[in-house]
Amino acid sequence: MPEYETENRGVLFPNRYKEEGDNKPDYTGNVDVQGEQWRLAAWDNTSAKGNRYLSIAVSEPKDKGSDDTDVPF
């Protein structure tokens, strides 16, 4: 059993595969929603008024053997 409750919680980490000018997410991670794992990806953006925000995408988890490096988990 984990030290703390993980259901309905998630985490994002800086994407170490992100390179200048590419469209890979700035942050990647995962989230547990009612016992199901989902992938998270987030991009750091700035609005037209100069406000910073994160744009977030949620997707199904990839197989561990996948060679997808856009969202490495």
N, C-alpha and C. Protein backbone atom coordinates (compact mmCIF):
# COMPACT_ATOMS: atom_id res chain seq x y z
N MET A 1 0.84 -1.18 0.00
CA MET A 1 0.00 0.00 0.00
C MET A 1 0.89 1.25 0.00
N PRO A 2 0.58 2.24 -0.86
CA PRO A 2 1.40 3.46 -0.90
C PRO A 2 1.29 4.26 0.39
N GLU A 3 2.28 5.13 0.59
CA GLU A 3 2.32 5.98 1.78
C GLU A 3 1.17 6.98 1.81
N TYR A 4 0.67 7.35 0.66
CA TYR A 4 -0.37 8.36 0.57
C TYR A 4 -1.39 7.95 -0.49
N GLU A 5 -2.53 8.57 -0.46
CA GLU A 5 -3.62 8.27 -1.40
C GLU A 5 -3.23 8.73 -2.81
N THR A 6 -3.34 7.85 -3.80
CA THR A 6 -2.98 8.20 -5.17
C THR A 6 -4.19 8.28 -6.10
N GLU A 7 -5.36 7.79 -5.66
CA GLU A 7 -6.54 7.84 -6.53
C GLU A 7 -6.97 9.29 -6.73
N ASN A 8 -7.30 9.61 -7.96
CA ASN A 8 -7.72 10.95 -8.37
C ASN A 8 -6.63 11.99 -8.16
N ARG A 9 -5.39 11.57 -8.33
CA ARG A 9 -4.24 12.47 -8.25
C ARG A 9 -3.30 12.18 -9.42
N GLY A 10 -2.47 13.15 -9.75
CA GLY A 10 -1.52 12.98 -10.84
C GLY A 10 -0.25 13.76 -10.60
N VAL A 11 0.67 13.63 -11.53
CA VAL A 11 1.95 14.29 -11.42
C VAL A 11 2.46 14.64 -12.82
N LEU A 12 3.14 15.77 -12.94
CA LEU A 12 3.78 16.19 -14.18
C LEU A 12 5.25 16.48 -13.90
N PHE A 13 6.11 16.05 -14.82
CA PHE A 13 7.54 16.29 -14.71
C PHE A 13 8.02 17.01 -15.97
N PRO A 14 9.07 17.83 -15.88
CA PRO A 14 9.63 18.42 -17.09
C PRO A 14 10.03 17.33 -18.07
N ASN A 15 9.74 17.54 -19.35
CA ASN A 15 10.04 16.56 -20.39
C ASN A 15 11.51 16.67 -20.78
N ARG A 16 12.30 15.68 -20.41
CA ARG A 16 13.74 15.73 -20.69
C ARG A 16 14.05 15.49 -22.17
N TYR A 17 13.04 15.09 -22.96
CA TYR A 17 13.23 14.88 -24.39
C TYR A 17 12.83 16.10 -25.22
N LYS A 18 12.35 17.14 -24.59
CA LYS A 18 11.94 18.37 -25.28
C LYS A 18 13.17 19.10 -25.82
N GLU A 19 13.08 19.50 -27.08
CA GLU A 19 14.16 20.27 -27.71
C GLU A 19 13.60 21.58 -28.23
N GLU A 20 14.44 22.57 -28.31
CA GLU A 20 14.03 23.89 -28.78
C GLU A 20 13.33 23.78 -30.14
N GLY A 21 12.13 24.35 -30.23
CA GLY A 21 11.43 24.43 -31.50
C GLY A 21 10.55 23.23 -31.83
N ASP A 22 10.62 22.14 -31.07
CA ASP A 22 9.75 21.01 -31.38
C ASP A 22 8.40 21.17 -30.68
N ASN A 23 7.44 20.31 -31.05
CA ASN A 23 6.11 20.43 -30.47
C ASN A 23 5.84 19.41 -29.36
N LYS A 24 6.89 18.78 -28.86
CA LYS A 24 6.73 17.84 -27.75
C LYS A 24 6.26 18.62 -26.52
N PRO A 25 5.54 17.95 -25.62
CA PRO A 25 5.06 18.65 -24.43
C PRO A 25 6.21 19.11 -23.53
N ASP A 26 5.99 20.19 -22.82
CA ASP A 26 6.97 20.70 -21.87
C ASP A 26 7.00 19.84 -20.61
N TYR A 27 5.86 19.23 -20.27
CA TYR A 27 5.73 18.39 -19.09
C TYR A 27 4.98 17.11 -19.46
N THR A 28 5.35 16.01 -18.83
CA THR A 28 4.65 14.74 -19.02
C THR A 28 4.45 14.08 -17.66
N GLY A 29 3.49 13.20 -17.60
CA GLY A 29 3.24 12.49 -16.36
C GLY A 29 2.04 11.59 -16.49
N ASN A 30 1.43 11.28 -15.36
CA ASN A 30 0.24 10.44 -15.38
C ASN A 30 -0.69 10.86 -14.26
N VAL A 31 -1.92 10.38 -14.38
CA VAL A 31 -2.95 10.69 -13.39
C VAL A 31 -3.79 9.44 -13.20
N ASP A 32 -4.22 9.22 -11.97
CA ASP A 32 -5.13 8.13 -11.63
C ASP A 32 -6.52 8.74 -11.49
N VAL A 33 -7.47 8.27 -12.31
CA VAL A 33 -8.84 8.75 -12.24
C VAL A 33 -9.73 7.55 -11.91
N GLN A 34 -10.23 7.53 -10.71
CA GLN A 34 -11.09 6.46 -10.22
C GLN A 34 -10.48 5.09 -10.47
N GLY A 35 -9.19 4.97 -10.19
CA GLY A 35 -8.48 3.70 -10.30
C GLY A 35 -7.91 3.39 -11.67
N GLU A 36 -8.15 4.23 -12.67
CA GLU A 36 -7.60 4.02 -14.02
C GLU A 36 -6.46 5.00 -14.27
N GLN A 37 -5.38 4.50 -14.86
CA GLN A 37 -4.22 5.34 -15.18
C GLN A 37 -4.40 6.00 -16.54
N TRP A 38 -4.06 7.27 -16.63
CA TRP A 38 -4.10 8.04 -17.87
C TRP A 38 -2.79 8.80 -18.02
N ARG A 39 -2.40 9.05 -19.28
CA ARG A 39 -1.19 9.84 -19.57
C ARG A 39 -1.56 11.32 -19.59
N LEU A 40 -0.63 12.14 -19.12
CA LEU A 40 -0.79 13.59 -19.16
C LEU A 40 0.33 14.20 -19.98
N ALA A 41 0.02 15.25 -20.70
CA ALA A 41 1.01 16.05 -21.41
C ALA A 41 0.59 17.50 -21.23
N ALA A 42 1.55 18.39 -21.01
CA ALA A 42 1.23 19.81 -20.81
C ALA A 42 2.25 20.68 -21.54
N TRP A 43 1.73 21.75 -22.10
CA TRP A 43 2.56 22.73 -22.81
C TRP A 43 2.44 24.07 -22.11
N ASP A 44 3.58 24.71 -21.86
CA ASP A 44 3.62 26.03 -21.24
C ASP A 44 3.31 27.06 -22.32
N ASN A 45 2.30 27.89 -22.10
CA ASN A 45 1.87 28.88 -23.10
C ASN A 45 1.69 30.25 -22.45
N THR A 46 1.57 31.26 -23.30
CA THR A 46 1.28 32.62 -22.85
C THR A 46 0.11 33.14 -23.67
N SER A 47 -0.90 33.67 -22.99
CA SER A 47 -2.08 34.19 -23.68
C SER A 47 -1.76 35.50 -24.38
N ALA A 48 -2.70 35.97 -25.20
CA ALA A 48 -2.52 37.23 -25.92
C ALA A 48 -2.37 38.40 -24.94
N LYS A 49 -2.92 38.25 -23.73
CA LYS A 49 -2.80 39.31 -22.73
C LYS A 49 -1.57 39.15 -21.85
N GLY A 50 -0.73 38.16 -22.15
CA GLY A 50 0.52 37.97 -21.42
C GLY A 50 0.43 37.08 -20.20
N ASN A 51 -0.70 36.41 -20.00
CA ASN A 51 -0.86 35.51 -18.86
C ASN A 51 -0.34 34.12 -19.21
N ARG A 52 0.48 33.56 -18.32
CA ARG A 52 1.01 32.20 -18.53
C ARG A 52 -0.04 31.18 -18.13
N TYR A 53 -0.09 30.07 -18.88
CA TYR A 53 -1.00 28.98 -18.55
C TYR A 53 -0.45 27.68 -19.11
N LEU A 54 -0.99 26.56 -18.64
CA LEU A 54 -0.64 25.24 -19.15
C LEU A 54 -1.80 24.71 -19.98
N SER A 55 -1.52 24.26 -21.16
CA SER A 55 -2.48 23.56 -22.00
C SER A 55 -2.24 22.07 -21.77
N ILE A 56 -3.27 21.33 -21.38
CA ILE A 56 -3.11 19.93 -20.95
C ILE A 56 -3.88 18.99 -21.85
N ALA A 57 -3.27 17.84 -22.16
CA ALA A 57 -3.92 16.77 -22.92
C ALA A 57 -3.88 15.50 -22.09
N VAL A 58 -4.98 14.76 -22.13
CA VAL A 58 -5.09 13.47 -21.43
C VAL A 58 -5.30 12.41 -22.49
N SER A 59 -4.57 11.29 -22.37
CA SER A 59 -4.73 10.20 -23.33
C SER A 59 -4.58 8.85 -22.63
N GLU A 60 -4.96 7.81 -23.33
CA GLU A 60 -4.82 6.46 -22.78
C GLU A 60 -3.35 6.13 -22.65
N PRO A 61 -3.00 5.28 -21.68
CA PRO A 61 -1.59 4.90 -21.51
C PRO A 61 -1.09 4.10 -22.70
N LYS A 62 0.18 4.29 -23.03
CA LYS A 62 0.83 3.52 -24.10
C LYS A 62 1.35 2.22 -23.53
N ASP A 63 1.53 1.22 -24.40
CA ASP A 63 2.18 -0.02 -23.98
C ASP A 63 3.60 0.30 -23.57
N LYS A 64 4.12 -0.41 -22.59
CA LYS A 64 5.49 -0.16 -22.11
C LYS A 64 6.52 -0.35 -23.20
N GLY A 65 6.25 -1.19 -24.21
CA GLY A 65 7.20 -1.44 -25.29
C GLY A 65 7.14 -0.43 -26.41
N SER A 66 6.28 0.58 -26.29
CA SER A 66 6.10 1.57 -27.35
C SER A 66 7.37 2.40 -27.52
N ASP A 67 7.66 2.80 -28.77
CA ASP A 67 8.83 3.64 -29.03
C ASP A 67 8.45 5.10 -29.18
N ASP A 68 7.23 5.48 -28.79
CA ASP A 68 6.77 6.86 -28.85
C ASP A 68 7.56 7.70 -27.85
N THR A 69 8.24 8.76 -28.33
CA THR A 69 9.02 9.61 -27.43
C THR A 69 8.36 10.95 -27.21
N ASP A 70 7.20 11.20 -27.81
CA ASP A 70 6.52 12.48 -27.59
C ASP A 70 6.09 12.63 -26.14
N VAL A 71 5.59 11.56 -25.54
CA VAL A 71 5.17 11.56 -24.13
C VAL A 71 5.75 10.32 -23.49
N PRO A 72 7.01 10.39 -23.04
CA PRO A 72 7.67 9.20 -22.51
C PRO A 72 7.24 8.85 -21.10
N PHE A 73 6.67 7.66 -20.93
CA PHE A 73 6.29 7.16 -19.62
C PHE A 73 6.88 5.81 -19.41
